[in-house]
Amino acid sequence: MIEKIPTHTPAITLYPDGRMDTRNASLYTGLSEKTLAMMRCNGTGPKFIKRGRVFYFQDDVDTWLNAQGRHTSTAQAGQRTAA
């Protein structure tokens, strides 16, 4: 019998229009806020808007996550990022 390990899913706060701030985007993606900031500078992360503060739309984050693809090995992942 396989024992299920309980997981804790943090609550993500979305604005009514689907926006989330950087902290919530970090929780949603599993990436640190600093990593998201570096990705914004490099242009490699999800689309965002800046209205005094940075916000991400959930749809844009989902699209970006799905576009990253799935890999069967770290070598395959490295080939994708090198291309």
Foldseek 3Di string as FASTA:
>chain_A
DDDDDDDDQDDADADPVQKGFLVSLCSVVVHDSVVVVVCVVVVLAFDWDCDVGIIDGPVRNVVSVVVLDDDPDVVVSVVVVVD
